[in-house]
Amino acid sequence: MPVINVKMTHEDVGATKEQKEELSKGITELFAKVFNGRGANSAVVIIEEVNTDNYSIGGKTITQIRSEAKK
């Protein structure tokens, strides 16, 4: 059983339920296509939205980076 983890930043109000469902379906279909049908009915997709204050690059949070880019 494949377990596929997706991490993405939580933007504004985050992804909608419908967007998450579509993403999960698309990822599962692509996985099954690449692996010749394997995982089509058993793939587990975990979507985790990470607050931009909890995600950093080069010692700066994404919130800081975006704030600096707006200046």
PDB file of N, CA and C in Angstrom:
ATOM      1  N   MET A   1       0.852  -1.175   0.000  1.00  0.00           N
ATOM      2  CA  MET A   1       0.000   0.000   0.000  1.00  0.00           C
ATOM      3  C   MET A   1       0.895   1.235   0.000  1.00  0.00           C
ATOM      4  N   PRO A   2       0.838   2.052  -1.040  1.00  0.00           N
ATOM      5  CA  PRO A   2       1.624   3.279  -1.059  1.00  0.00           C
ATOM      6  C   PRO A   2       1.029   4.342  -0.137  1.00  0.00           C
ATOM      7  N   VAL A   3       1.915   5.056   0.525  1.00  0.00           N
ATOM      8  CA  VAL A   3       1.520   6.193   1.349  1.00  0.00           C
ATOM      9  C   VAL A   3       2.211   7.410   0.750  1.00  0.00           C
ATOM     10  N   ILE A   4       1.428   8.376   0.309  1.00  0.00           N
ATOM     11  CA  ILE A   4       1.941   9.560  -0.370  1.00  0.00           C
ATOM     12  C   ILE A   4       1.663  10.776   0.502  1.00  0.00           C
ATOM     13  N   ASN A   5       2.734  11.456   0.910  1.00  0.00           N
ATOM     14  CA  ASN A   5       2.605  12.641   1.759  1.00  0.00           C
ATOM     15  C   ASN A   5       2.764  13.896   0.922  1.00  0.00           C
ATOM     16  N   VAL A   6       1.839  14.826   1.097  1.00  0.00           N
ATOM     17  CA  VAL A   6       1.891  16.112   0.417  1.00  0.00           C
ATOM     18  C   VAL A   6       1.944  17.187   1.492  1.00  0.00           C
ATOM     19  N   LYS A   7       2.987  18.017   1.442  1.00  0.00           N
ATOM     20  CA  LYS A   7       3.065  19.147   2.368  1.00  0.00           C
ATOM     21  C   LYS A   7       3.046  20.409   1.537  1.00  0.00           C
ATOM     22  N   MET A   8       2.227  21.353   1.951  1.00  0.00           N
ATOM     23  CA  MET A   8       2.132  22.625   1.239  1.00  0.00           C
ATOM     24  C   MET A   8       1.825  23.723   2.240  1.00  0.00           C
ATOM     25  N   THR A   9       2.178  24.954   1.878  1.00  0.00           N
ATOM     26  CA  THR A   9       1.904  26.045   2.800  1.00  0.00           C
ATOM     27  C   THR A   9       0.411  26.326   2.844  1.00  0.00           C
ATOM     28  N   HIS A  10      -0.026  26.710   4.008  1.00  0.00           N
ATOM     29  CA  HIS A  10      -1.425  27.088   4.231  1.00  0.00           C
ATOM     30  C   HIS A  10      -1.556  28.545   3.815  1.00  0.00           C
ATOM     31  N   GLU A  11      -2.218  28.779   2.707  1.00  0.00           N
ATOM     32  CA  GLU A  11      -2.366  30.131   2.158  1.00  0.00           C
ATOM     33  C   GLU A  11      -3.752  30.673   2.462  1.00  0.00           C
ATOM     34  N   ASP A  12      -3.806  31.876   2.954  1.00  0.00           N
ATOM     35  CA  ASP A  12      -5.070  32.545   3.266  1.00  0.00           C
ATOM     36  C   ASP A  12      -5.975  31.617   4.068  1.00  0.00           C
ATOM     37  N   VAL A  13      -7.001  31.062   3.439  1.00  0.00           N
ATOM     38  CA  VAL A  13      -7.915  30.156   4.154  1.00  0.00           C
ATOM     39  C   VAL A  13      -7.573  28.700   3.903  1.00  0.00           C
ATOM     40  N   GLY A  14      -6.513  28.454   3.161  1.00  0.00           N
ATOM     41  CA  GLY A  14      -6.103  27.081   2.870  1.00  0.00           C
ATOM     42  C   GLY A  14      -6.838  26.504   1.674  1.00  0.00           C
ATOM     43  N   ALA A  15      -6.463  25.298   1.327  1.00  0.00           N
ATOM     44  CA  ALA A  15      -7.114  24.615   0.214  1.00  0.00           C
ATOM     45  C   ALA A  15      -8.522  24.209   0.619  1.00  0.00           C
ATOM     46  N   THR A  16      -9.431  24.259  -0.320  1.00  0.00           N
ATOM     47  CA  THR A  16     -10.804  23.848  -0.032  1.00  0.00           C
ATOM     48  C   THR A  16     -10.891  22.327   0.011  1.00  0.00           C
ATOM     49  N   LYS A  17     -11.977  21.848   0.558  1.00  0.00           N
ATOM     50  CA  LYS A  17     -12.239  20.405   0.596  1.00  0.00           C
ATOM     51  C   LYS A  17     -12.225  19.852  -0.824  1.00  0.00           C
ATOM     52  N   GLU A  18     -12.847  20.566  -1.743  1.00  0.00           N
ATOM     53  CA  GLU A  18     -12.917  20.128  -3.136  1.00  0.00           C
ATOM     54  C   GLU A  18     -11.530  20.085  -3.779  1.00  0.00           C
ATOM     55  N   GLN A  19     -10.697  21.075  -3.499  1.00  0.00           N
ATOM     56  CA  GLN A  19      -9.340  21.081  -4.046  1.00  0.00           C
ATOM     57  C   GLN A  19      -8.529  19.905  -3.509  1.00  0.00           C
ATOM     58  N   LYS A  20      -8.673  19.613  -2.232  1.00  0.00           N
ATOM     59  CA  LYS A  20      -7.958  18.482  -1.631  1.00  0.00           C
ATOM     60  C   LYS A  20      -8.429  17.165  -2.228  1.00  0.00           C
ATOM     61  N   GLU A  21      -9.731  17.039  -2.450  1.00  0.00           N
ATOM     62  CA  GLU A  21     -10.258  15.822  -3.063  1.00  0.00           C
ATOM     63  C   GLU A  21      -9.713  15.639  -4.476  1.00  0.00           C
ATOM     64  N   GLU A  22      -9.690  16.731  -5.250  1.00  0.00           N
ATOM     65  CA  GLU A  22      -9.177  16.677  -6.617  1.00  0.00           C
ATOM     66  C   GLU A  22      -7.675  16.355  -6.630  1.00  0.00           C
ATOM     67  N   LEU A  23      -6.929  16.962  -5.724  1.00  0.00           N
ATOM     68  CA  LEU A  23      -5.499  16.690  -5.620  1.00  0.00           C
ATOM     69  C   LEU A  23      -5.251  15.232  -5.273  1.00  0.00           C
ATOM     70  N   SER A  24      -5.969  14.724  -4.295  1.00  0.00           N
ATOM     71  CA  SER A  24      -5.823  13.333  -3.874  1.00  0.00           C
ATOM     72  C   SER A  24      -6.144  12.370  -5.014  1.00  0.00           C
ATOM     73  N   LYS A  25      -7.227  12.648  -5.722  1.00  0.00           N
ATOM     74  CA  LYS A  25      -7.625  11.807  -6.851  1.00  0.00           C
ATOM     75  C   LYS A  25      -6.560  11.848  -7.950  1.00  0.00           C
ATOM     76  N   GLY A  26      -6.077  13.038  -8.283  1.00  0.00           N
ATOM     77  CA  GLY A  26      -5.076  13.175  -9.330  1.00  0.00           C
ATOM     78  C   GLY A  26      -3.764  12.486  -8.984  1.00  0.00           C
ATOM     79  N   ILE A  27      -3.325  12.631  -7.734  1.00  0.00           N
ATOM     80  CA  ILE A  27      -2.093  11.977  -7.295  1.00  0.00           C
ATOM     81  C   ILE A  27      -2.242  10.462  -7.355  1.00  0.00           C
ATOM     82  N   THR A  28      -3.372   9.966  -6.892  1.00  0.00           N
ATOM     83  CA  THR A  28      -3.615   8.521  -6.926  1.00  0.00           C
ATOM     84  C   THR A  28      -3.627   7.999  -8.354  1.00  0.00           C
ATOM     85  N   GLU A  29      -4.296   8.717  -9.259  1.00  0.00           N
ATOM     86  CA  GLU A  29      -4.349   8.299 -10.665  1.00  0.00           C
ATOM     87  C   GLU A  29      -2.959   8.303 -11.297  1.00  0.00           C
ATOM     88  N   LEU A  30      -2.165   9.326 -11.019  1.00  0.00           N
ATOM     89  CA  LEU A  30      -0.817   9.398 -11.573  1.00  0.00           C
ATOM     90  C   LEU A  30       0.054   8.271 -11.029  1.00  0.00           C
ATOM     91  N   PHE A  31      -0.046   8.012  -9.730  1.00  0.00           N
ATOM     92  CA  PHE A  31       0.724   6.925  -9.134  1.00  0.00           C
ATOM     93  C   PHE A  31       0.385   5.605  -9.801  1.00  0.00           C
ATOM     94  N   ALA A  32      -0.909   5.346  -9.947  1.00  0.00           N
ATOM     95  CA  ALA A  32      -1.348   4.097 -10.574  1.00  0.00           C
ATOM     96  C   ALA A  32      -0.876   4.016 -12.025  1.00  0.00           C
ATOM     97  N   LYS A  33      -0.894   5.121 -12.741  1.00  0.00           N
ATOM     98  CA  LYS A  33      -0.430   5.134 -14.135  1.00  0.00           C
ATOM     99  C   LYS A  33       1.053   4.804 -14.212  1.00  0.00           C
ATOM    100  N   VAL A  34       1.855   5.446 -13.393  1.00  0.00           N
ATOM    101  CA  VAL A  34       3.302   5.239 -13.409  1.00  0.00           C
ATOM    102  C   VAL A  34       3.663   3.821 -12.994  1.00  0.00           C
ATOM    103  N   PHE A  35       2.923   3.262 -12.047  1.00  0.00           N
ATOM    104  CA  PHE A  35       3.227   1.930 -11.530  1.00  0.00           C
ATOM    105  C   PHE A  35       2.272   0.856 -12.043  1.00  0.00           C
ATOM    106  N   ASN A  36       1.786   1.045 -13.269  1.00  0.00           N
ATOM    107  CA  ASN A  36       0.975   0.032 -13.967  1.00  0.00           C
ATOM    108  C   ASN A  36      -0.208  -0.474 -13.153  1.00  0.00           C
ATOM    109  N   GLY A  37      -0.966   0.439 -12.591  1.00  0.00           N
ATOM    110  CA  GLY A  37      -2.188   0.067 -11.885  1.00  0.00           C
ATOM    111  C   GLY A  37      -2.016  -0.174 -10.406  1.00  0.00           C
ATOM    112  N   ARG A  38      -0.766  -0.361  -9.967  1.00  0.00           N
ATOM    113  CA  ARG A  38      -0.538  -0.620  -8.541  1.00  0.00           C
ATOM    114  C   ARG A  38      -0.935   0.608  -7.728  1.00  0.00           C
ATOM    115  N   GLY A  39      -1.661   0.402  -6.656  1.00  0.00           N
ATOM    116  CA  GLY A  39      -2.055   1.477  -5.760  1.00  0.00           C
ATOM    117  C   GLY A  39      -3.345   2.173  -6.132  1.00  0.00           C
ATOM    118  N   ALA A  40      -3.944   1.779  -7.246  1.00  0.00           N
ATOM    119  CA  ALA A  40      -5.164   2.462  -7.693  1.00  0.00           C
ATOM    120  C   ALA A  40      -6.267   2.443  -6.629  1.00  0.00           C
ATOM    121  N   ASN A  41      -6.359   1.370  -5.880  1.00  0.00           N
ATOM    122  CA  ASN A  41      -7.424   1.257  -4.878  1.00  0.00           C
ATOM    123  C   ASN A  41      -6.917   1.265  -3.446  1.00  0.00           C
ATOM    124  N   SER A  42      -5.585   1.370  -3.293  1.00  0.00           N
ATOM    125  CA  SER A  42      -5.063   1.281  -1.933  1.00  0.00           C
ATOM    126  C   SER A  42      -4.157   2.443  -1.533  1.00  0.00           C
ATOM    127  N   ALA A  43      -3.922   3.384  -2.444  1.00  0.00           N
ATOM    128  CA  ALA A  43      -3.025   4.498  -2.126  1.00  0.00           C
ATOM    129  C   ALA A  43      -3.615   5.375  -1.034  1.00  0.00           C
ATOM    130  N   VAL A  44      -2.793   5.699  -0.081  1.00  0.00           N
ATOM    131  CA  VAL A  44      -3.164   6.612   0.988  1.00  0.00           C
ATOM    132  C   VAL A  44      -2.491   7.942   0.687  1.00  0.00           C
ATOM    133  N   VAL A  45      -3.258   9.016   0.619  1.00  0.00           N
ATOM    134  CA  VAL A  45      -2.710  10.346   0.379  1.00  0.00           C
ATOM    135  C   VAL A  45      -2.968  11.189   1.628  1.00  0.00           C
ATOM    136  N   ILE A  46      -1.887  11.730   2.185  1.00  0.00           N
ATOM    137  CA  ILE A  46      -1.992  12.574   3.365  1.00  0.00           C
ATOM    138  C   ILE A  46      -1.598  13.985   2.960  1.00  0.00           C
ATOM    139  N   ILE A  47      -2.513  14.928   3.129  1.00  0.00           N
ATOM    140  CA  ILE A  47      -2.255  16.319   2.781  1.00  0.00           C
ATOM    141  C   ILE A  47      -2.103  17.107   4.075  1.00  0.00           C
ATOM    142  N   GLU A  48      -0.942  17.728   4.213  1.00  0.00           N
ATOM    143  CA  GLU A  48      -0.665  18.520   5.408  1.00  0.00           C
ATOM    144  C   GLU A  48      -0.395  19.957   4.989  1.00  0.00           C
ATOM    145  N   GLU A  49      -1.182  20.868   5.520  1.00  0.00           N
ATOM    146  CA  GLU A  49      -0.973  22.283   5.254  1.00  0.00           C
ATOM    147  C   GLU A  49      -0.145  22.871   6.396  1.00  0.00           C
ATOM    148  N   VAL A  50       0.965  23.504   6.030  1.00  0.00           N
ATOM    149  CA  VAL A  50       1.904  24.045   7.005  1.00  0.00           C
ATOM    150  C   VAL A  50       1.774  25.567   7.032  1.00  0.00           C
ATOM    151  N   ASN A  51       1.586  26.110   8.212  1.00  0.00           N
ATOM    152  CA  ASN A  51       1.509  27.557   8.369  1.00  0.00           C
ATOM    153  C   ASN A  51       2.828  28.175   7.918  1.00  0.00           C
ATOM    154  N   THR A  52       2.773  29.306   7.221  1.00  0.00           N
ATOM    155  CA  THR A  52       3.988  29.934   6.695  1.00  0.00           C
ATOM    156  C   THR A  52       4.938  30.404   7.806  1.00  0.00           C
ATOM    157  N   ASP A  53       4.460  30.508   9.032  1.00  0.00           N
ATOM    158  CA  ASP A  53       5.340  30.813  10.167  1.00  0.00           C
ATOM    159  C   ASP A  53       6.135  29.586  10.606  1.00  0.00           C
ATOM    160  N   ASN A  54       5.709  28.399  10.184  1.00  0.00           N
ATOM    161  CA  ASN A  54       6.351  27.146  10.585  1.00  0.00           C
ATOM    162  C   ASN A  54       7.175  26.521   9.478  1.00  0.00           C
ATOM    163  N   TYR A  55       7.475  27.294   8.438  1.00  0.00           N
ATOM    164  CA  TYR A  55       8.204  26.794   7.279  1.00  0.00           C
ATOM    165  C   TYR A  55       9.243  27.845   6.922  1.00  0.00           C
ATOM    166  N   SER A  56      10.520  27.458   6.927  1.00  0.00           N
ATOM    167  CA  SER A  56      11.553  28.462   6.669  1.00  0.00           C
ATOM    168  C   SER A  56      12.564  27.983   5.636  1.00  0.00           C
ATOM    169  N   ILE A  57      13.172  28.954   4.989  1.00  0.00           N
ATOM    170  CA  ILE A  57      14.236  28.718   4.026  1.00  0.00           C
ATOM    171  C   ILE A  57      15.373  29.659   4.400  1.00  0.00           C
ATOM    172  N   GLY A  58      16.565  29.135   4.567  1.00  0.00           N
ATOM    173  CA  GLY A  58      17.713  29.978   4.888  1.00  0.00           C
ATOM    174  C   GLY A  58      17.568  30.740   6.190  1.00  0.00           C
ATOM    175  N   GLY A  59      16.851  30.188   7.138  1.00  0.00           N
ATOM    176  CA  GLY A  59      16.688  30.824   8.438  1.00  0.00           C
ATOM    177  C   GLY A  59      15.581  31.855   8.514  1.00  0.00           C
ATOM    178  N   LYS A  60      14.870  32.065   7.422  1.00  0.00           N
ATOM    179  CA  LYS A  60      13.751  33.009   7.418  1.00  0.00           C
ATOM    180  C   LYS A  60      12.462  32.251   7.136  1.00  0.00           C
ATOM    181  N   THR A  61      11.417  32.616   7.886  1.00  0.00           N
ATOM    182  CA  THR A  61      10.131  31.973   7.630  1.00  0.00           C
ATOM    183  C   THR A  61       9.584  32.440   6.283  1.00  0.00           C
ATOM    184  N   ILE A  62       8.699  31.658   5.741  1.00  0.00           N
ATOM    185  CA  ILE A  62       8.049  32.037   4.482  1.00  0.00           C
ATOM    186  C   ILE A  62       7.287  33.344   4.678  1.00  0.00           C
ATOM    187  N   THR A  63       6.707  33.529   5.850  1.00  0.00           N
ATOM    188  CA  THR A  63       6.016  34.782   6.153  1.00  0.00           C
ATOM    189  C   THR A  63       6.977  35.963   6.025  1.00  0.00           C
ATOM    190  N   GLN A  64       8.186  35.839   6.589  1.00  0.00           N
ATOM    191  CA  GLN A  64       9.188  36.902   6.500  1.00  0.00           C
ATOM    192  C   GLN A  64       9.615  37.140   5.053  1.00  0.00           C
ATOM    193  N   ILE A  65       9.880  36.062   4.333  1.00  0.00           N
ATOM    194  CA  ILE A  65      10.336  36.172   2.941  1.00  0.00           C
ATOM    195  C   ILE A  65       9.295  36.897   2.109  1.00  0.00           C
ATOM    196  N   ARG A  66       8.039  36.531   2.263  1.00  0.00           N
ATOM    197  CA  ARG A  66       6.967  37.168   1.481  1.00  0.00           C
ATOM    198  C   ARG A  66       6.773  38.625   1.878  1.00  0.00           C
ATOM    199  N   SER A  67       6.923  38.912   3.160  1.00  0.00           N
ATOM    200  CA  SER A  67       6.791  40.282   3.632  1.00  0.00           C
ATOM    201  C   SER A  67       7.902  41.154   3.030  1.00  0.00           C
ATOM    202  N   GLU A  68       9.122  40.641   3.017  1.00  0.00           N
ATOM    203  CA  GLU A  68      10.254  41.372   2.452  1.00  0.00           C
ATOM    204  C   GLU A  68      10.102  41.571   0.951  1.00  0.00           C
ATOM    205  N   ALA A  69       9.517  40.598   0.278  1.00  0.00           N
ATOM    206  CA  ALA A  69       9.338  40.690  -1.183  1.00  0.00           C
ATOM    207  C   ALA A  69       8.336  41.770  -1.559  1.00  0.00           C
ATOM    208  N   LYS A  70       7.407  42.063  -0.665  1.00  0.00           N
ATOM    209  CA  LYS A  70       6.373  43.084  -0.945  1.00  0.00           C
ATOM    210  C   LYS A  70       6.920  44.502  -0.815  1.00  0.00           C
ATOM    211  N   LYS A  71       8.057  44.647  -0.138  1.00  0.00           N
ATOM    212  CA  LYS A  71       8.619  45.987   0.112  1.00  0.00           C
ATOM    213  C   LYS A  71       9.271  46.556  -1.117  1.00  0.00           C
TER     214      LYS A  71
END
